[in-house]
Amino acid sequence: MPEICRFFGISIRMYYNDHHPPHFHVVYGEQRAIVDIRTLMVIGGRLSPRVLGMVTEWAARHQQDLMALWEKAQNHEPLHRLPPLE
């Protein structure tokens, strides 16, 4: 699963040819979650409020880029990295 971004120890990843709805995976230590790109809601797993806040802020800034990466992943095209939250 390619890592498309990393910030503050939070890893954002996307699988190739993953199931719908469009989403990305978040890994932070022992915390794991799946976040819907369109709604920015957690649809699987759990994140602490602090980590969820940072992930949501980052994803809101890159929502269109995330959708484009989702389409590339569905077509097995190479994925590029997105800038981190600073």
N, C-alpha and C. Protein backbone atom coordinates (compact mmCIF):
# COMPACT_ATOMS: atom_id res chain seq x y z
N MET A 1 0.86 -1.18 0.00
CA MET A 1 0.00 0.00 0.00
C MET A 1 0.89 1.22 0.00
N PRO A 2 0.85 2.03 -1.05
CA PRO A 2 1.71 3.21 -1.12
C PRO A 2 1.35 4.27 -0.07
N GLU A 3 2.38 4.82 0.52
CA GLU A 3 2.20 5.95 1.43
C GLU A 3 2.17 7.21 0.58
N ILE A 4 1.10 7.99 0.69
CA ILE A 4 0.99 9.20 -0.12
C ILE A 4 1.33 10.46 0.67
N CYS A 5 1.44 10.33 2.00
CA CYS A 5 1.84 11.47 2.82
C CYS A 5 2.20 10.99 4.22
N ARG A 6 3.07 11.77 4.88
CA ARG A 6 3.43 11.50 6.28
C ARG A 6 3.67 12.85 6.96
N PHE A 7 3.03 13.03 8.10
CA PHE A 7 3.25 14.24 8.90
C PHE A 7 2.99 13.92 10.36
N PHE A 8 3.82 14.46 11.23
CA PHE A 8 3.71 14.26 12.68
C PHE A 8 3.55 12.79 13.06
N GLY A 9 4.21 11.91 12.31
CA GLY A 9 4.14 10.48 12.59
C GLY A 9 2.90 9.80 12.05
N ILE A 10 2.03 10.55 11.38
CA ILE A 10 0.79 10.02 10.80
C ILE A 10 1.08 9.60 9.35
N SER A 11 0.76 8.38 9.02
CA SER A 11 0.96 7.88 7.67
C SER A 11 -0.38 7.80 6.95
N ILE A 12 -0.45 8.41 5.77
CA ILE A 12 -1.65 8.37 4.93
C ILE A 12 -1.34 7.45 3.76
N ARG A 13 -2.18 6.43 3.57
CA ARG A 13 -1.92 5.42 2.55
C ARG A 13 -3.15 5.15 1.69
N MET A 14 -2.90 4.59 0.52
CA MET A 14 -3.99 4.24 -0.38
C MET A 14 -3.66 2.91 -1.05
N TYR A 15 -4.62 2.00 -1.09
CA TYR A 15 -4.45 0.72 -1.78
C TYR A 15 -4.78 0.87 -3.25
N TYR A 16 -4.14 0.05 -4.09
CA TYR A 16 -4.54 -0.04 -5.49
C TYR A 16 -5.79 -0.90 -5.58
N ASN A 17 -6.73 -0.47 -6.45
CA ASN A 17 -7.95 -1.22 -6.73
C ASN A 17 -8.73 -1.58 -5.46
N ASP A 18 -8.84 -0.64 -4.53
CA ASP A 18 -9.55 -0.84 -3.26
C ASP A 18 -11.06 -0.71 -3.48
N HIS A 19 -11.83 -1.11 -2.50
CA HIS A 19 -13.29 -1.08 -2.57
C HIS A 19 -13.82 0.35 -2.42
N HIS A 20 -15.05 0.55 -2.86
CA HIS A 20 -15.71 1.85 -2.71
C HIS A 20 -16.32 1.94 -1.32
N PRO A 21 -16.59 3.11 -0.79
CA PRO A 21 -16.45 4.44 -1.37
C PRO A 21 -14.97 4.87 -1.41
N PRO A 22 -14.68 5.92 -2.19
CA PRO A 22 -13.31 6.42 -2.24
C PRO A 22 -12.83 6.78 -0.82
N HIS A 23 -11.65 6.29 -0.46
CA HIS A 23 -11.17 6.49 0.90
C HIS A 23 -9.65 6.37 0.96
N PHE A 24 -9.10 6.73 2.11
CA PHE A 24 -7.68 6.52 2.37
C PHE A 24 -7.53 5.92 3.76
N HIS A 25 -6.37 5.35 4.00
CA HIS A 25 -6.08 4.68 5.26
C HIS A 25 -5.13 5.55 6.08
N VAL A 26 -5.35 5.58 7.38
CA VAL A 26 -4.52 6.35 8.30
C VAL A 26 -3.91 5.39 9.31
N VAL A 27 -2.60 5.52 9.52
CA VAL A 27 -1.90 4.73 10.52
C VAL A 27 -1.10 5.69 11.40
N TYR A 28 -1.33 5.58 12.70
CA TYR A 28 -0.57 6.39 13.67
C TYR A 28 -0.32 5.52 14.89
N GLY A 29 0.89 5.00 15.01
CA GLY A 29 1.18 4.07 16.10
C GLY A 29 0.26 2.86 16.00
N GLU A 30 -0.48 2.62 17.06
CA GLU A 30 -1.42 1.49 17.09
C GLU A 30 -2.80 1.88 16.53
N GLN A 31 -3.01 3.16 16.26
CA GLN A 31 -4.30 3.63 15.75
C GLN A 31 -4.40 3.39 14.24
N ARG A 32 -5.57 2.96 13.81
CA ARG A 32 -5.83 2.70 12.40
C ARG A 32 -7.23 3.22 12.07
N ALA A 33 -7.37 3.80 10.89
CA ALA A 33 -8.70 4.25 10.47
C ALA A 33 -8.77 4.31 8.94
N ILE A 34 -9.99 4.26 8.45
CA ILE A 34 -10.29 4.46 7.04
C ILE A 34 -11.17 5.70 6.97
N VAL A 35 -10.80 6.65 6.11
CA VAL A 35 -11.51 7.93 6.02
C VAL A 35 -12.09 8.08 4.61
N ASP A 36 -13.38 8.35 4.54
CA ASP A 36 -14.07 8.60 3.28
C ASP A 36 -13.59 9.94 2.72
N ILE A 37 -13.15 9.96 1.47
CA ILE A 37 -12.62 11.19 0.88
C ILE A 37 -13.71 12.23 0.69
N ARG A 38 -14.89 11.82 0.31
CA ARG A 38 -15.96 12.78 0.02
C ARG A 38 -16.52 13.44 1.27
N THR A 39 -16.70 12.67 2.33
CA THR A 39 -17.32 13.21 3.55
C THR A 39 -16.32 13.54 4.64
N LEU A 40 -15.10 13.00 4.52
CA LEU A 40 -14.04 13.13 5.52
C LEU A 40 -14.44 12.51 6.87
N MET A 41 -15.35 11.55 6.80
CA MET A 41 -15.78 10.83 8.00
C MET A 41 -15.02 9.52 8.11
N VAL A 42 -14.76 9.09 9.34
CA VAL A 42 -14.14 7.80 9.58
C VAL A 42 -15.18 6.72 9.31
N ILE A 43 -14.85 5.79 8.41
CA ILE A 43 -15.80 4.72 8.07
C ILE A 43 -15.30 3.36 8.56
N GLY A 44 -14.16 3.37 9.22
CA GLY A 44 -13.62 2.15 9.80
C GLY A 44 -12.49 2.49 10.74
N GLY A 45 -12.38 1.75 11.81
CA GLY A 45 -11.32 2.00 12.77
C GLY A 45 -11.61 3.18 13.67
N ARG A 46 -10.54 3.70 14.29
CA ARG A 46 -10.71 4.80 15.24
C ARG A 46 -9.41 5.57 15.36
N LEU A 47 -9.53 6.89 15.50
CA LEU A 47 -8.39 7.77 15.76
C LEU A 47 -8.70 8.62 16.97
N SER A 48 -7.67 8.99 17.71
CA SER A 48 -7.87 9.91 18.83
C SER A 48 -8.35 11.26 18.27
N PRO A 49 -9.04 12.05 19.07
CA PRO A 49 -9.55 13.34 18.58
C PRO A 49 -8.44 14.24 18.01
N ARG A 50 -7.28 14.25 18.63
CA ARG A 50 -6.18 15.11 18.16
C ARG A 50 -5.72 14.66 16.77
N VAL A 51 -5.50 13.36 16.58
CA VAL A 51 -5.06 12.84 15.30
C VAL A 51 -6.15 13.02 14.24
N LEU A 52 -7.38 12.74 14.60
CA LEU A 52 -8.49 12.92 13.66
C LEU A 52 -8.59 14.37 13.20
N GLY A 53 -8.40 15.31 14.11
CA GLY A 53 -8.44 16.73 13.74
C GLY A 53 -7.37 17.08 12.72
N MET A 54 -6.15 16.60 12.94
CA MET A 54 -5.07 16.88 12.00
C MET A 54 -5.33 16.23 10.65
N VAL A 55 -5.79 14.98 10.66
CA VAL A 55 -6.07 14.27 9.41
C VAL A 55 -7.19 14.97 8.65
N THR A 56 -8.23 15.37 9.34
CA THR A 56 -9.36 16.04 8.68
C THR A 56 -8.93 17.38 8.08
N GLU A 57 -8.13 18.13 8.83
CA GLU A 57 -7.63 19.41 8.31
C GLU A 57 -6.79 19.19 7.05
N TRP A 58 -5.89 18.21 7.10
CA TRP A 58 -5.05 17.91 5.94
C TRP A 58 -5.90 17.46 4.75
N ALA A 59 -6.83 16.54 5.00
CA ALA A 59 -7.65 15.99 3.92
C ALA A 59 -8.54 17.05 3.28
N ALA A 60 -9.06 17.97 4.07
CA ALA A 60 -9.90 19.04 3.52
C ALA A 60 -9.10 19.91 2.55
N ARG A 61 -7.84 20.12 2.85
CA ARG A 61 -6.97 20.91 1.96
C ARG A 61 -6.64 20.17 0.67
N HIS A 62 -6.69 18.85 0.70
CA HIS A 62 -6.26 18.04 -0.45
C HIS A 62 -7.36 17.14 -0.99
N GLN A 63 -8.60 17.50 -0.76
CA GLN A 63 -9.71 16.63 -1.14
C GLN A 63 -9.73 16.32 -2.64
N GLN A 64 -9.53 17.33 -3.47
CA GLN A 64 -9.53 17.09 -4.92
C GLN A 64 -8.34 16.23 -5.33
N ASP A 65 -7.18 16.48 -4.73
CA ASP A 65 -6.00 15.67 -5.02
C ASP A 65 -6.22 14.22 -4.60
N LEU A 66 -6.86 14.03 -3.46
CA LEU A 66 -7.14 12.67 -2.98
C LEU A 66 -8.08 11.93 -3.93
N MET A 67 -9.08 12.62 -4.45
CA MET A 67 -9.98 11.98 -5.42
C MET A 67 -9.22 11.60 -6.69
N ALA A 68 -8.31 12.48 -7.13
CA ALA A 68 -7.51 12.16 -8.33
C ALA A 68 -6.61 10.96 -8.06
N LEU A 69 -6.02 10.90 -6.87
CA LEU A 69 -5.18 9.74 -6.52
C LEU A 69 -6.02 8.47 -6.44
N TRP A 70 -7.24 8.60 -5.91
CA TRP A 70 -8.13 7.42 -5.85
C TRP A 70 -8.36 6.85 -7.25
N GLU A 71 -8.63 7.74 -8.20
CA GLU A 71 -8.85 7.29 -9.59
C GLU A 71 -7.60 6.63 -10.15
N LYS A 72 -6.43 7.20 -9.87
CA LYS A 72 -5.18 6.59 -10.33
C LYS A 72 -5.00 5.20 -9.71
N ALA A 73 -5.28 5.09 -8.41
CA ALA A 73 -5.13 3.80 -7.73
C ALA A 73 -6.09 2.76 -8.32
N GLN A 74 -7.29 3.18 -8.67
CA GLN A 74 -8.26 2.26 -9.26
C GLN A 74 -7.78 1.75 -10.61
N ASN A 75 -6.99 2.58 -11.31
CA ASN A 75 -6.47 2.22 -12.62
C ASN A 75 -5.04 1.68 -12.56
N HIS A 76 -4.55 1.41 -11.36
CA HIS A 76 -3.20 0.87 -11.15
C HIS A 76 -2.12 1.78 -11.73
N GLU A 77 -2.34 3.09 -11.66
CA GLU A 77 -1.35 4.06 -12.12
C GLU A 77 -0.49 4.48 -10.93
N PRO A 78 0.73 4.94 -11.19
CA PRO A 78 1.60 5.37 -10.09
C PRO A 78 0.98 6.52 -9.30
N LEU A 79 1.16 6.47 -7.99
CA LEU A 79 0.63 7.52 -7.11
C LEU A 79 1.76 8.45 -6.69
N HIS A 80 1.46 9.74 -6.63
CA HIS A 80 2.45 10.71 -6.17
C HIS A 80 2.15 11.10 -4.72
N ARG A 81 3.11 11.69 -4.08
CA ARG A 81 2.96 12.11 -2.69
C ARG A 81 2.32 13.50 -2.63
N LEU A 82 1.56 13.73 -1.58
CA LEU A 82 0.95 15.03 -1.32
C LEU A 82 1.72 15.73 -0.22
N PRO A 83 1.70 17.08 -0.21
CA PRO A 83 2.42 17.81 0.84
C PRO A 83 1.82 17.55 2.22
N PRO A 84 2.67 17.56 3.24
CA PRO A 84 2.19 17.30 4.60
C PRO A 84 1.51 18.50 5.22
N LEU A 85 0.84 18.25 6.32
CA LEU A 85 0.30 19.30 7.16
C LEU A 85 1.47 19.92 7.90
N GLU A 86 1.54 21.23 7.92
CA GLU A 86 2.65 21.90 8.61
C GLU A 86 2.16 22.73 9.76
